[in-house]
Amino acid sequence: MKITKDMTIQELLNLDSGFIPILMNAGMHCVGCHASTQETLEEAAMVHGIDADDLISALNAYYEATR
């Protein structure tokens, strides 16, 4: 499985809560906010001024390393 830009934050967190530190370190400190869980990773990255491709790469690297 690959993490993609169109996944919601909730979908991501349902896969593995270990993604939380990666999102927070990237500047997404609203990870626990109920409204943010319905945003796609691409939407959240855009709102926070984060490069979505870099974020997806980091998330996939973590996911592949822990499987």
C-alpha atoms as a PDB file:
ATOM      1  CA  MET A   1       0.000   0.000   0.000  1.00  0.00           C
ATOM      2  CA  LYS A   2       1.176   3.509  -0.781  1.00  0.00           C
ATOM      3  CA  ILE A   3       0.215   6.720   0.961  1.00  0.00           C
ATOM      4  CA  THR A   4      -1.272   9.171  -1.550  1.00  0.00           C
ATOM      5  CA  LYS A   5      -2.200  12.850  -1.574  1.00  0.00           C
ATOM      6  CA  ASP A   6      -5.903  12.078  -1.840  1.00  0.00           C
ATOM      7  CA  MET A   7      -6.017  10.081   1.412  1.00  0.00           C
ATOM      8  CA  THR A   8      -7.665  11.862   4.303  1.00  0.00           C
ATOM      9  CA  ILE A   9      -5.801  12.417   7.530  1.00  0.00           C
ATOM     10  CA  GLN A  10      -8.318  10.110   9.207  1.00  0.00           C
ATOM     11  CA  GLU A  11      -7.576   7.307   6.720  1.00  0.00           C
ATOM     12  CA  LEU A  12      -3.880   7.784   7.378  1.00  0.00           C
ATOM     13  CA  LEU A  13      -4.265   7.674  11.154  1.00  0.00           C
ATOM     14  CA  ASN A  14      -6.483   4.594  10.900  1.00  0.00           C
ATOM     15  CA  LEU A  15      -3.548   2.822   9.250  1.00  0.00           C
ATOM     16  CA  ASP A  16      -0.985   3.730  11.888  1.00  0.00           C
ATOM     17  CA  SER A  17      -0.883   6.303  14.684  1.00  0.00           C
ATOM     18  CA  GLY A  18       2.886   6.457  14.147  1.00  0.00           C
ATOM     19  CA  PHE A  19       2.198   8.968  11.402  1.00  0.00           C
ATOM     20  CA  ILE A  20       1.273  11.604  13.996  1.00  0.00           C
ATOM     21  CA  PRO A  21       4.868  12.655  14.839  1.00  0.00           C
ATOM     22  CA  ILE A  22       5.690  12.944  11.127  1.00  0.00           C
ATOM     23  CA  LEU A  23       2.696  15.210  10.526  1.00  0.00           C
ATOM     24  CA  MET A  24       3.445  17.297  13.611  1.00  0.00           C
ATOM     25  CA  ASN A  25       7.131  17.642  12.736  1.00  0.00           C
ATOM     26  CA  ALA A  26       6.068  18.846   9.288  1.00  0.00           C
ATOM     27  CA  GLY A  27       4.026  21.624  10.920  1.00  0.00           C
ATOM     28  CA  MET A  28       0.571  20.036  11.049  1.00  0.00           C
ATOM     29  CA  HIS A  29      -0.115  20.668  14.712  1.00  0.00           C
ATOM     30  CA  CYS A  30      -3.867  20.408  14.150  1.00  0.00           C
ATOM     31  CA  VAL A  31      -3.740  16.629  13.668  1.00  0.00           C
ATOM     32  CA  GLY A  32      -6.041  16.108  16.637  1.00  0.00           C
ATOM     33  CA  CYS A  33      -8.622  18.600  15.398  1.00  0.00           C
ATOM     34  CA  HIS A  34     -11.808  16.829  14.340  1.00  0.00           C
ATOM     35  CA  ALA A  35     -12.257  18.993  11.240  1.00  0.00           C
ATOM     36  CA  SER A  36      -8.751  18.312   9.973  1.00  0.00           C
ATOM     37  CA  THR A  37      -9.308  14.565   9.857  1.00  0.00           C
ATOM     38  CA  GLN A  38     -11.592  14.992   6.840  1.00  0.00           C
ATOM     39  CA  GLU A  39      -9.009  16.949   4.841  1.00  0.00           C
ATOM     40  CA  THR A  40      -6.899  15.165   2.298  1.00  0.00           C
ATOM     41  CA  LEU A  41      -3.167  15.173   2.840  1.00  0.00           C
ATOM     42  CA  GLU A  42      -2.813  17.471  -0.156  1.00  0.00           C
ATOM     43  CA  GLU A  43      -5.372  19.953   1.227  1.00  0.00           C
ATOM     44  CA  ALA A  44      -3.758  19.940   4.662  1.00  0.00           C
ATOM     45  CA  ALA A  45      -0.293  20.415   3.177  1.00  0.00           C
ATOM     46  CA  MET A  46      -1.513  23.368   1.118  1.00  0.00           C
ATOM     47  CA  VAL A  47      -3.162  25.040   4.141  1.00  0.00           C
ATOM     48  CA  HIS A  48       0.030  24.662   6.183  1.00  0.00           C
ATOM     49  CA  GLY A  49       2.442  25.695   3.418  1.00  0.00           C
ATOM     50  CA  ILE A  50       4.031  22.251   3.276  1.00  0.00           C
ATOM     51  CA  ASP A  51       5.298  20.591   0.115  1.00  0.00           C
ATOM     52  CA  ALA A  52       2.827  17.726  -0.349  1.00  0.00           C
ATOM     53  CA  ASP A  53       5.294  15.585  -2.304  1.00  0.00           C
ATOM     54  CA  ASP A  54       7.917  15.817   0.451  1.00  0.00           C
ATOM     55  CA  LEU A  55       5.310  14.956   3.066  1.00  0.00           C
ATOM     56  CA  ILE A  56       4.043  11.950   1.096  1.00  0.00           C
ATOM     57  CA  SER A  57       7.621  10.732   0.648  1.00  0.00           C
ATOM     58  CA  ALA A  58       8.264  10.917   4.402  1.00  0.00           C
ATOM     59  CA  LEU A  59       4.999   9.145   5.196  1.00  0.00           C
ATOM     60  CA  ASN A  60       5.694   6.373   2.694  1.00  0.00           C
ATOM     61  CA  ALA A  61       9.262   5.950   3.964  1.00  0.00           C
ATOM     62  CA  TYR A  62       7.947   5.465   7.500  1.00  0.00           C
ATOM     63  CA  TYR A  63       5.197   3.099   6.386  1.00  0.00           C
ATOM     64  CA  GLU A  64       7.544   0.943   4.321  1.00  0.00           C
ATOM     65  CA  ALA A  65      10.108   0.830   7.145  1.00  0.00           C
ATOM     66  CA  THR A  66       7.566  -0.352   9.689  1.00  0.00           C
ATOM     67  CA  ARG A  67       5.989  -3.110   7.623  1.00  0.00           C
END
